Amino acid sequence: MTTVEAARVRAVWECELHRLELDVLRAERLVKGLTATPAEPWVPPAVPGEMPADLAERARDLLDRQDRASAGLQAALTAAQRQIAYGGRVADATGPTPAQPLYVDLDA
């Protein structure tokens, strides 16, 4: 591989790692309850050659962050599902909500 080709492969992989890092930041923001824009599915780049070895550590760190963000999102989803189920049980136990507000005069 020529120096120019190697530089191109490196640039492509660096760009892809930046993109994946932005996706992880989005997921981390969601876990924290902040708004985030939806991420697009990642497709590995079509470049000849492998990722440069010196970028591998960054990729591993990014994978660890992805795993933690995924676990955080799963925990948040589980908590939300529990809240929905609890709300359903409360609604079932208390009956339907009246169509109009009801007021009770406590001084009468």
N, C-alpha and C. Protein backbone atom coordinates (compact mmCIF):
# COMPACT_ATOMS: atom_id res chain seq x y z
N MET A 1 0.86 -1.17 0.00
CA MET A 1 0.00 0.00 0.00
C MET A 1 0.91 1.24 0.00
N THR A 2 0.59 2.17 -0.85
CA THR A 2 1.40 3.38 -0.94
C THR A 2 1.11 4.30 0.24
N THR A 3 1.94 5.29 0.40
CA THR A 3 1.76 6.25 1.49
C THR A 3 0.45 7.01 1.32
N VAL A 4 0.11 7.34 0.09
CA VAL A 4 -1.14 8.07 -0.18
C VAL A 4 -2.34 7.19 0.15
N GLU A 5 -2.28 5.92 -0.25
CA GLU A 5 -3.38 5.01 0.06
C GLU A 5 -3.51 4.80 1.56
N ALA A 6 -2.38 4.65 2.24
CA ALA A 6 -2.41 4.47 3.70
C ALA A 6 -2.98 5.70 4.38
N ALA A 7 -2.63 6.89 3.90
CA ALA A 7 -3.17 8.12 4.47
C ALA A 7 -4.68 8.20 4.24
N ARG A 8 -5.14 7.75 3.07
CA ARG A 8 -6.58 7.76 2.77
C ARG A 8 -7.32 6.78 3.69
N VAL A 9 -6.78 5.59 3.86
CA VAL A 9 -7.40 4.59 4.73
C VAL A 9 -7.47 5.14 6.15
N ARG A 10 -6.40 5.74 6.62
CA ARG A 10 -6.39 6.31 7.96
C ARG A 10 -7.44 7.40 8.11
N ALA A 11 -7.53 8.28 7.12
CA ALA A 11 -8.50 9.38 7.17
C ALA A 11 -9.92 8.84 7.20
N VAL A 12 -10.19 7.83 6.42
CA VAL A 12 -11.54 7.23 6.40
C VAL A 12 -11.86 6.63 7.76
N TRP A 13 -10.93 5.88 8.35
CA TRP A 13 -11.18 5.26 9.65
C TRP A 13 -11.32 6.30 10.75
N GLU A 14 -10.52 7.34 10.70
CA GLU A 14 -10.66 8.41 11.70
C GLU A 14 -12.04 9.06 11.58
N CYS A 15 -12.48 9.30 10.36
CA CYS A 15 -13.82 9.88 10.15
C CYS A 15 -14.90 8.96 10.69
N GLU A 16 -14.77 7.66 10.45
CA GLU A 16 -15.77 6.70 10.93
C GLU A 16 -15.78 6.65 12.46
N LEU A 17 -14.61 6.71 13.07
CA LEU A 17 -14.57 6.72 14.54
C LEU A 17 -15.21 7.98 15.10
N HIS A 18 -15.00 9.11 14.43
CA HIS A 18 -15.67 10.35 14.86
C HIS A 18 -17.18 10.17 14.78
N ARG A 19 -17.66 9.60 13.70
CA ARG A 19 -19.11 9.40 13.52
C ARG A 19 -19.67 8.47 14.59
N LEU A 20 -18.95 7.38 14.87
CA LEU A 20 -19.41 6.46 15.91
C LEU A 20 -19.39 7.12 17.28
N GLU A 21 -18.41 7.97 17.50
CA GLU A 21 -18.35 8.67 18.78
C GLU A 21 -19.55 9.60 18.95
N LEU A 22 -19.96 10.26 17.88
CA LEU A 22 -21.16 11.10 17.94
C LEU A 22 -22.40 10.26 18.25
N ASP A 23 -22.48 9.07 17.67
CA ASP A 23 -23.61 8.19 17.97
C ASP A 23 -23.62 7.81 19.45
N VAL A 24 -22.45 7.53 20.01
CA VAL A 24 -22.37 7.19 21.43
C VAL A 24 -22.77 8.39 22.28
N LEU A 25 -22.32 9.57 21.90
CA LEU A 25 -22.72 10.78 22.64
C LEU A 25 -24.24 10.95 22.63
N ARG A 26 -24.87 10.66 21.50
CA ARG A 26 -26.34 10.73 21.44
C ARG A 26 -26.97 9.77 22.44
N ALA A 27 -26.46 8.53 22.45
CA ALA A 27 -27.01 7.52 23.38
C ALA A 27 -26.76 7.93 24.83
N GLU A 28 -25.59 8.46 25.11
CA GLU A 28 -25.29 8.90 26.48
C GLU A 28 -26.21 10.03 26.91
N ARG A 29 -26.52 10.94 25.99
CA ARG A 29 -27.46 12.03 26.29
C ARG A 29 -28.85 11.48 26.57
N LEU A 30 -29.27 10.47 25.82
CA LEU A 30 -30.58 9.86 26.06
C LEU A 30 -30.63 9.23 27.44
N VAL A 31 -29.56 8.54 27.83
CA VAL A 31 -29.52 7.90 29.15
C VAL A 31 -29.65 8.95 30.25
N LYS A 32 -29.06 10.12 30.03
CA LYS A 32 -29.12 11.19 31.03
C LYS A 32 -30.44 11.95 30.98
N GLY A 33 -31.33 11.58 30.07
CA GLY A 33 -32.62 12.26 29.97
C GLY A 33 -32.57 13.52 29.14
N LEU A 34 -31.50 13.71 28.41
CA LEU A 34 -31.38 14.87 27.54
C LEU A 34 -31.84 14.50 26.14
N THR A 35 -32.18 15.50 25.37
CA THR A 35 -32.63 15.21 24.01
C THR A 35 -31.43 14.87 23.13
N ALA A 36 -31.68 14.07 22.15
CA ALA A 36 -30.64 13.68 21.20
C ALA A 36 -31.29 13.40 19.86
N THR A 37 -30.57 13.69 18.81
CA THR A 37 -31.07 13.39 17.47
C THR A 37 -30.88 11.91 17.19
N PRO A 38 -31.74 11.32 16.39
CA PRO A 38 -31.61 9.89 16.11
C PRO A 38 -30.33 9.60 15.33
N ALA A 39 -29.77 8.46 15.57
CA ALA A 39 -28.56 8.04 14.87
C ALA A 39 -28.92 7.19 13.66
N GLU A 40 -28.09 7.29 12.65
CA GLU A 40 -28.28 6.46 11.46
C GLU A 40 -27.48 5.17 11.63
N PRO A 41 -27.94 4.09 11.03
CA PRO A 41 -27.19 2.83 11.14
C PRO A 41 -25.77 3.00 10.58
N TRP A 42 -24.81 2.35 11.22
CA TRP A 42 -23.42 2.44 10.78
C TRP A 42 -23.11 1.33 9.82
N VAL A 43 -22.43 1.67 8.75
CA VAL A 43 -21.97 0.69 7.77
C VAL A 43 -20.45 0.84 7.71
N PRO A 44 -19.71 -0.25 7.89
CA PRO A 44 -18.26 -0.14 7.83
C PRO A 44 -17.82 0.46 6.49
N PRO A 45 -16.76 1.26 6.52
CA PRO A 45 -16.32 1.90 5.28
C PRO A 45 -15.77 0.88 4.28
N ALA A 46 -15.96 1.17 3.02
CA ALA A 46 -15.46 0.30 1.96
C ALA A 46 -14.13 0.86 1.48
N VAL A 47 -13.09 0.61 2.25
CA VAL A 47 -11.74 1.04 1.88
C VAL A 47 -10.82 -0.17 1.91
N PRO A 48 -9.83 -0.16 1.06
CA PRO A 48 -8.90 -1.30 1.11
C PRO A 48 -8.03 -1.20 2.36
N GLY A 49 -7.80 -2.29 2.96
CA GLY A 49 -6.93 -2.29 4.14
C GLY A 49 -7.71 -2.23 5.43
N GLU A 50 -7.01 -2.58 6.49
CA GLU A 50 -7.60 -2.61 7.82
C GLU A 50 -7.44 -1.26 8.52
N MET A 51 -8.12 -1.15 9.64
CA MET A 51 -7.96 0.04 10.46
C MET A 51 -6.51 0.12 10.93
N PRO A 52 -5.91 1.30 10.89
CA PRO A 52 -4.54 1.43 11.40
C PRO A 52 -4.47 0.99 12.86
N ALA A 53 -3.40 0.30 13.19
CA ALA A 53 -3.24 -0.29 14.53
C ALA A 53 -3.30 0.76 15.63
N ASP A 54 -2.80 1.97 15.38
CA ASP A 54 -2.80 2.98 16.44
C ASP A 54 -4.19 3.54 16.72
N LEU A 55 -5.18 3.22 15.88
CA LEU A 55 -6.56 3.65 16.13
C LEU A 55 -7.35 2.57 16.88
N ALA A 56 -6.77 1.40 17.03
CA ALA A 56 -7.48 0.28 17.66
C ALA A 56 -7.85 0.57 19.10
N GLU A 57 -6.97 1.21 19.86
CA GLU A 57 -7.28 1.53 21.26
C GLU A 57 -8.49 2.46 21.34
N ARG A 58 -8.50 3.47 20.49
CA ARG A 58 -9.64 4.39 20.45
C ARG A 58 -10.92 3.64 20.11
N ALA A 59 -10.84 2.71 19.17
CA ALA A 59 -12.01 1.92 18.79
C ALA A 59 -12.48 1.05 19.96
N ARG A 60 -11.54 0.47 20.71
CA ARG A 60 -11.92 -0.34 21.88
C ARG A 60 -12.59 0.52 22.95
N ASP A 61 -12.03 1.69 23.20
CA ASP A 61 -12.64 2.61 24.17
C ASP A 61 -14.05 2.99 23.75
N LEU A 62 -14.20 3.23 22.46
CA LEU A 62 -15.51 3.58 21.92
C LEU A 62 -16.49 2.43 22.08
N LEU A 63 -16.03 1.23 21.86
CA LEU A 63 -16.88 0.05 22.04
C LEU A 63 -17.31 -0.09 23.50
N ASP A 64 -16.40 0.16 24.43
CA ASP A 64 -16.76 0.12 25.85
C ASP A 64 -17.84 1.17 26.16
N ARG A 65 -17.68 2.37 25.62
CA ARG A 65 -18.70 3.42 25.84
C ARG A 65 -20.03 3.01 25.23
N GLN A 66 -19.99 2.39 24.04
CA GLN A 66 -21.23 1.92 23.42
C GLN A 66 -21.91 0.89 24.31
N ASP A 67 -21.13 -0.03 24.87
CA ASP A 67 -21.71 -1.06 25.74
C ASP A 67 -22.35 -0.43 26.98
N ARG A 68 -21.67 0.55 27.60
CA ARG A 68 -22.23 1.21 28.78
C ARG A 68 -23.49 1.99 28.44
N ALA A 69 -23.47 2.69 27.29
CA ALA A 69 -24.65 3.45 26.88
C ALA A 69 -25.81 2.50 26.58
N SER A 70 -25.51 1.38 25.96
CA SER A 70 -26.56 0.39 25.66
C SER A 70 -27.17 -0.15 26.94
N ALA A 71 -26.33 -0.44 27.93
CA ALA A 71 -26.83 -0.93 29.21
C ALA A 71 -27.68 0.14 29.90
N GLY A 72 -27.25 1.39 29.82
CA GLY A 72 -28.03 2.48 30.40
C GLY A 72 -29.37 2.65 29.74
N LEU A 73 -29.39 2.55 28.41
CA LEU A 73 -30.67 2.65 27.69
C LEU A 73 -31.58 1.49 28.04
N GLN A 74 -31.02 0.30 28.17
CA GLN A 74 -31.83 -0.87 28.53
C GLN A 74 -32.42 -0.70 29.92
N ALA A 75 -31.63 -0.18 30.85
CA ALA A 75 -32.13 0.05 32.22
C ALA A 75 -33.24 1.09 32.20
N ALA A 76 -33.07 2.15 31.43
CA ALA A 76 -34.10 3.19 31.34
C ALA A 76 -35.37 2.64 30.71
N LEU A 77 -35.23 1.81 29.70
CA LEU A 77 -36.39 1.19 29.06
C LEU A 77 -37.12 0.28 30.04
N THR A 78 -36.38 -0.52 30.79
CA THR A 78 -36.99 -1.40 31.78
C THR A 78 -37.75 -0.60 32.84
N ALA A 79 -37.13 0.51 33.31
CA ALA A 79 -37.79 1.35 34.31
C ALA A 79 -39.06 1.97 33.74
N ALA A 80 -39.01 2.41 32.50
CA ALA A 80 -40.19 3.01 31.87
C ALA A 80 -41.30 1.96 31.72
N GLN A 81 -40.94 0.75 31.35
CA GLN A 81 -41.94 -0.31 31.22
C GLN A 81 -42.58 -0.63 32.57
N ARG A 82 -41.78 -0.60 33.63
CA ARG A 82 -42.34 -0.83 34.97
C ARG A 82 -43.32 0.28 35.34
N GLN A 83 -42.97 1.52 35.04
CA GLN A 83 -43.85 2.65 35.34
C GLN A 83 -45.16 2.55 34.57
N ILE A 84 -45.07 2.17 33.31
CA ILE A 84 -46.28 2.00 32.50
C ILE A 84 -47.16 0.91 33.09
N ALA A 85 -46.55 -0.21 33.46
CA ALA A 85 -47.32 -1.31 34.06
C ALA A 85 -47.95 -0.87 35.37
N TYR A 86 -47.21 -0.14 36.19
CA TYR A 86 -47.74 0.36 37.46
C TYR A 86 -48.91 1.31 37.21
N GLY A 87 -48.76 2.20 36.25
CA GLY A 87 -49.85 3.12 35.92
C GLY A 87 -51.09 2.37 35.47
N GLY A 88 -50.89 1.30 34.71
CA GLY A 88 -52.02 0.48 34.28
C GLY A 88 -52.71 -0.20 35.45
N ARG A 89 -51.93 -0.70 36.40
CA ARG A 89 -52.52 -1.35 37.58
C ARG A 89 -53.29 -0.34 38.43
N VAL A 90 -52.74 0.87 38.57
CA VAL A 90 -53.44 1.91 39.34
C VAL A 90 -54.75 2.27 38.65
N ALA A 91 -54.71 2.43 37.34
CA ALA A 91 -55.93 2.76 36.60
C ALA A 91 -56.97 1.65 36.73
N ASP A 92 -56.52 0.40 36.68
CA ASP A 92 -57.45 -0.72 36.83
C ASP A 92 -58.05 -0.74 38.23
N ALA A 93 -57.26 -0.43 39.23
CA ALA A 93 -57.73 -0.47 40.62
C ALA A 93 -58.66 0.69 40.96
N THR A 94 -58.43 1.84 40.37
CA THR A 94 -59.22 3.02 40.72
C THR A 94 -60.38 3.26 39.78
N GLY A 95 -60.43 2.55 38.70
CA GLY A 95 -61.53 2.73 37.75
C GLY A 95 -61.21 3.82 36.73
N PRO A 96 -62.12 4.02 35.81
CA PRO A 96 -61.88 5.00 34.75
C PRO A 96 -61.87 6.43 35.30
N THR A 97 -61.16 7.28 34.64
CA THR A 97 -61.11 8.70 35.00
C THR A 97 -62.42 9.35 34.56
N PRO A 98 -63.04 10.18 35.40
CA PRO A 98 -64.28 10.84 35.00
C PRO A 98 -64.05 11.74 33.79
N ALA A 99 -65.10 11.88 32.98
CA ALA A 99 -65.00 12.70 31.78
C ALA A 99 -64.80 14.17 32.13
N GLN A 100 -65.37 14.59 33.27
CA GLN A 100 -65.23 15.98 33.70
C GLN A 100 -64.65 15.99 35.11
N PRO A 101 -63.93 17.06 35.45
CA PRO A 101 -63.37 17.14 36.81
C PRO A 101 -64.48 17.14 37.86
N LEU A 102 -64.20 16.53 38.97
CA LEU A 102 -65.14 16.52 40.09
C LEU A 102 -64.56 17.38 41.22
N TYR A 103 -65.42 18.18 41.83
CA TYR A 103 -64.99 19.04 42.92
C TYR A 103 -65.78 18.68 44.16
N VAL A 104 -65.10 18.71 45.27
CA VAL A 104 -65.75 18.45 46.55
C VAL A 104 -65.60 19.70 47.40
N ASP A 105 -66.73 20.21 47.92
CA ASP A 105 -66.70 21.40 48.76
C ASP A 105 -66.48 20.93 50.19
N LEU A 106 -65.28 21.14 50.69
CA LEU A 106 -64.94 20.67 52.03
C LEU A 106 -65.50 21.58 53.11
N ASP A 107 -65.95 22.80 52.78
CA ASP A 107 -66.49 23.73 53.78
C ASP A 107 -68.00 23.58 53.94
N ALA A 108 -68.65 22.88 53.09
CA ALA A 108 -70.11 22.80 53.13
C ALA A 108 -70.62 21.90 54.21
